[in-house]
C-alpha atoms as a PDB file:
ATOM      1  CA  GLN A   1      16.710 -25.170 -43.353  1.00  0.00           C
ATOM      2  CA  VAL A   2      13.203 -27.473 -43.568  1.00  0.00           C
ATOM      3  CA  GLN A   3       9.909 -25.246 -42.038  1.00  0.00           C
ATOM      4  CA  LEU A   4       7.560 -28.162 -40.430  1.00  0.00           C
ATOM      5  CA  VAL A   5       3.861 -27.052 -39.481  1.00  0.00           C
ATOM      6  CA  GLU A   6       1.416 -30.426 -37.946  1.00  0.00           C
ATOM      7  CA  SER A   7      -2.335 -29.825 -38.009  1.00  0.00           C
ATOM      8  CA  GLY A   8      -5.188 -31.932 -37.379  1.00  0.00           C
ATOM      9  CA  GLY A   9      -5.110 -33.286 -33.839  1.00  0.00           C
ATOM     10  CA  GLY A  10      -7.938 -33.679 -31.152  1.00  0.00           C
ATOM     11  CA  LEU A  11      -9.626 -35.312 -28.628  1.00  0.00           C
ATOM     12  CA  VAL A  12     -11.631 -38.389 -30.341  1.00  0.00           C
ATOM     13  CA  GLN A  13     -13.751 -41.339 -28.646  1.00  0.00           C
ATOM     14  CA  ALA A  14     -12.040 -45.047 -28.531  1.00  0.00           C
ATOM     15  CA  GLY A  15     -13.051 -46.186 -32.625  1.00  0.00           C
ATOM     16  CA  GLY A  16     -12.607 -42.703 -33.782  1.00  0.00           C
ATOM     17  CA  SER A  17     -10.488 -41.208 -36.636  1.00  0.00           C
ATOM     18  CA  LEU A  18      -8.084 -38.515 -37.536  1.00  0.00           C
ATOM     19  CA  ARG A  19      -6.641 -37.352 -40.539  1.00  0.00           C
ATOM     20  CA  LEU A  20      -2.831 -35.734 -39.207  1.00  0.00           C
ATOM     21  CA  SER A  21      -1.436 -33.336 -41.652  1.00  0.00           C
ATOM     22  CA  CYS A  22       2.408 -31.715 -42.734  1.00  0.00           C
ATOM     23  CA  ALA A  23       3.097 -28.894 -44.239  1.00  0.00           C
ATOM     24  CA  THR A  24       6.531 -28.149 -45.144  1.00  0.00           C
ATOM     25  CA  SER A  25       8.364 -24.675 -45.932  1.00  0.00           C
ATOM     26  CA  GLY A  26      11.964 -23.885 -47.284  1.00  0.00           C
ATOM     27  CA  ARG A  27      14.312 -25.863 -48.592  1.00  0.00           C
ATOM     28  CA  THR A  28      12.311 -29.239 -49.668  1.00  0.00           C
ATOM     29  CA  PHE A  29      14.360 -30.359 -52.794  1.00  0.00           C
ATOM     30  CA  SER A  30      17.402 -31.279 -49.675  1.00  0.00           C
ATOM     31  CA  ILE A  31      14.169 -34.426 -48.243  1.00  0.00           C
ATOM     32  CA  ASP A  32      14.217 -37.421 -48.962  1.00  0.00           C
ATOM     33  CA  ALA A  33      12.070 -38.955 -46.244  1.00  0.00           C
ATOM     34  CA  MET A  34       9.565 -37.832 -44.050  1.00  0.00           C
ATOM     35  CA  GLY A  35       8.225 -39.192 -40.902  1.00  0.00           C
ATOM     36  CA  TRP A  36       5.366 -39.868 -38.032  1.00  0.00           C
ATOM     37  CA  PHE A  37       6.973 -40.025 -34.404  1.00  0.00           C
ATOM     38  CA  ARG A  38       4.697 -39.993 -31.114  1.00  0.00           C
ATOM     39  CA  GLN A  39       5.206 -39.114 -27.622  1.00  0.00           C
ATOM     40  CA  ALA A  40       3.808 -40.815 -24.790  1.00  0.00           C
ATOM     41  CA  PRO A  41       3.503 -38.899 -20.934  1.00  0.00           C
ATOM     42  CA  GLY A  42       7.055 -40.982 -19.808  1.00  0.00           C
ATOM     43  CA  LYS A  43       7.744 -42.245 -23.061  1.00  0.00           C
ATOM     44  CA  GLU A  44      10.513 -41.721 -25.276  1.00  0.00           C
ATOM     45  CA  ARG A  45       9.289 -40.356 -29.240  1.00  0.00           C
ATOM     46  CA  GLU A  46       8.695 -43.771 -31.234  1.00  0.00           C
ATOM     47  CA  PHE A  47       8.732 -44.429 -35.592  1.00  0.00           C
ATOM     48  CA  VAL A  48       4.807 -44.371 -36.414  1.00  0.00           C
ATOM     49  CA  ALA A  49       5.542 -44.714 -40.031  1.00  0.00           C
ATOM     50  CA  ALA A  50       7.946 -42.449 -43.003  1.00  0.00           C
ATOM     51  CA  ILE A  51       7.102 -42.014 -46.271  1.00  0.00           C
ATOM     52  CA  THR A  52       9.966 -41.279 -49.163  1.00  0.00           C
ATOM     53  CA  ARG A  53      10.255 -38.451 -51.730  1.00  0.00           C
ATOM     54  CA  SER A  54       7.791 -40.584 -54.361  1.00  0.00           C
ATOM     55  CA  GLY A  55       5.603 -41.895 -51.865  1.00  0.00           C
ATOM     56  CA  LYS A  56       6.983 -45.705 -53.553  1.00  0.00           C
ATOM     57  CA  SER A  57       7.165 -46.906 -50.357  1.00  0.00           C
ATOM     58  CA  THR A  58       6.634 -47.014 -47.217  1.00  0.00           C
ATOM     59  CA  ASP A  59       6.675 -48.309 -43.513  1.00  0.00           C
ATOM     60  CA  TYR A  60       4.729 -48.781 -40.392  1.00  0.00           C
ATOM     61  CA  ALA A  61       5.038 -49.080 -36.204  1.00  0.00           C
ATOM     62  CA  ASP A  62       4.296 -52.768 -35.381  1.00  0.00           C
ATOM     63  CA  SER A  63       2.152 -50.889 -33.484  1.00  0.00           C
ATOM     64  CA  VAL A  64      -0.379 -49.286 -36.086  1.00  0.00           C
ATOM     65  CA  LYS A  65       0.500 -51.475 -38.808  1.00  0.00           C
ATOM     66  CA  GLY A  66      -2.400 -52.291 -40.698  1.00  0.00           C
ATOM     67  CA  ARG A  67      -4.413 -49.057 -38.879  1.00  0.00           C
ATOM     68  CA  PHE A  68      -2.738 -45.880 -40.007  1.00  0.00           C
ATOM     69  CA  THR A  69      -2.508 -44.810 -43.050  1.00  0.00           C
ATOM     70  CA  ILE A  70       0.787 -41.925 -44.247  1.00  0.00           C
ATOM     71  CA  SER A  71       0.836 -40.533 -47.456  1.00  0.00           C
ATOM     72  CA  ARG A  72       1.617 -36.976 -49.581  1.00  0.00           C
ATOM     73  CA  ASP A  73       1.324 -35.012 -52.304  1.00  0.00           C
ATOM     74  CA  ASN A  74       4.536 -32.995 -53.188  1.00  0.00           C
ATOM     75  CA  ALA A  75       2.044 -31.109 -55.528  1.00  0.00           C
ATOM     76  CA  LYS A  76       1.057 -29.577 -51.746  1.00  0.00           C
ATOM     77  CA  ASN A  77       4.174 -29.870 -49.636  1.00  0.00           C
ATOM     78  CA  THR A  78       2.341 -32.219 -47.481  1.00  0.00           C
ATOM     79  CA  VAL A  79       2.186 -35.270 -45.630  1.00  0.00           C
ATOM     80  CA  TYR A  80      -0.615 -36.898 -44.163  1.00  0.00           C
ATOM     81  CA  LEU A  81      -1.011 -39.457 -41.864  1.00  0.00           C
ATOM     82  CA  GLN A  82      -4.597 -41.082 -41.928  1.00  0.00           C
ATOM     83  CA  MET A  83      -6.046 -42.346 -38.386  1.00  0.00           C
ATOM     84  CA  PRO A  84      -9.207 -44.803 -37.849  1.00  0.00           C
ATOM     85  CA  SER A  85      -9.770 -46.397 -35.472  1.00  0.00           C
ATOM     86  CA  LEU A  86      -8.082 -45.090 -32.582  1.00  0.00           C
ATOM     87  CA  LYS A  87      -7.165 -46.157 -29.095  1.00  0.00           C
ATOM     88  CA  PRO A  88      -6.373 -45.266 -26.334  1.00  0.00           C
ATOM     89  CA  GLU A  89      -3.087 -46.134 -26.353  1.00  0.00           C
ATOM     90  CA  ASP A  90      -2.537 -43.792 -29.883  1.00  0.00           C
ATOM     91  CA  THR A  91      -2.701 -40.948 -27.004  1.00  0.00           C
ATOM     92  CA  ALA A  92       0.810 -38.898 -27.746  1.00  0.00           C
ATOM     93  CA  VAL A  93       1.824 -36.054 -29.040  1.00  0.00           C
ATOM     94  CA  TYR A  94       2.710 -36.620 -32.686  1.00  0.00           C
ATOM     95  CA  TYR A  95       5.229 -35.177 -34.788  1.00  0.00           C
ATOM     96  CA  CYS A  96       6.049 -34.344 -38.330  1.00  0.00           C
ATOM     97  CA  ALA A  97       9.475 -35.104 -39.730  1.00  0.00           C
ATOM     98  CA  ALA A  98      12.201 -34.524 -42.749  1.00  0.00           C
ATOM     99  CA  GLY A  99      15.347 -35.543 -43.601  1.00  0.00           C
ATOM    100  CA  PRO A 100      17.429 -36.981 -46.197  1.00  0.00           C
ATOM    101  CA  ILE A 101      17.267 -41.085 -45.392  1.00  0.00           C
ATOM    102  CA  TYR A 102      14.454 -42.491 -45.175  1.00  0.00           C
ATOM    103  CA  SER A 103      14.619 -44.058 -41.482  1.00  0.00           C
ATOM    104  CA  LYS A 104      12.692 -45.071 -38.258  1.00  0.00           C
ATOM    105  CA  SER A 105      15.181 -43.165 -36.847  1.00  0.00           C
ATOM    106  CA  THR A 106      14.926 -40.023 -35.207  1.00  0.00           C
ATOM    107  CA  ARG A 107      18.566 -39.757 -35.581  1.00  0.00           C
ATOM    108  CA  SER A 108      17.523 -39.594 -39.123  1.00  0.00           C
ATOM    109  CA  TYR A 109      15.678 -36.595 -39.005  1.00  0.00           C
ATOM    110  CA  PRO A 110      16.688 -32.913 -38.418  1.00  0.00           C
ATOM    111  CA  TYR A 111      13.912 -31.178 -39.076  1.00  0.00           C
ATOM    112  CA  TRP A 112      10.648 -31.526 -36.404  1.00  0.00           C
ATOM    113  CA  GLY A 113       7.366 -29.964 -36.834  1.00  0.00           C
ATOM    114  CA  GLN A 114       6.287 -28.402 -32.787  1.00  0.00           C
ATOM    115  CA  GLY A 115       4.212 -31.509 -33.102  1.00  0.00           C
ATOM    116  CA  THR A 116      -0.172 -32.015 -32.416  1.00  0.00           C
ATOM    117  CA  GLN A 117      -2.146 -33.750 -29.606  1.00  0.00           C
ATOM    118  CA  VAL A 118      -3.829 -36.758 -30.126  1.00  0.00           C
ATOM    119  CA  THR A 119      -6.203 -37.827 -27.179  1.00  0.00           C
ATOM    120  CA  VAL A 120      -8.464 -40.694 -27.855  1.00  0.00           C
ATOM    121  CA  SER A 121     -10.742 -41.514 -24.761  1.00  0.00           C
ATOM    122  CA  SER A 122     -12.404 -44.860 -24.162  1.00  0.00           C
END
């Protein structure tokens, strides 16, 4: 099993920034990709960003491309999501996910964190 614990969410004004962290533990050798997803009230969970084990490949949703940055520190078993220039439409619960396949699909990630709330006020 793999355990994921997110942190770093909160309430910020539009234009502000947050950095989310996802600490992993357990059978992390089975994990080749990490992803961030988000879910706003009344909406489906959607892909935000993904990164491979090496960190050499990353991918982003169009809505955050050029604003958010995903990175990882394998020595600390931690993945980050840097979120500057936040907008009210970024408000959601953000989830960290881990899986064997580098993908934008929730179905590719068997392991999930509990989520952290990000609220951006206008």
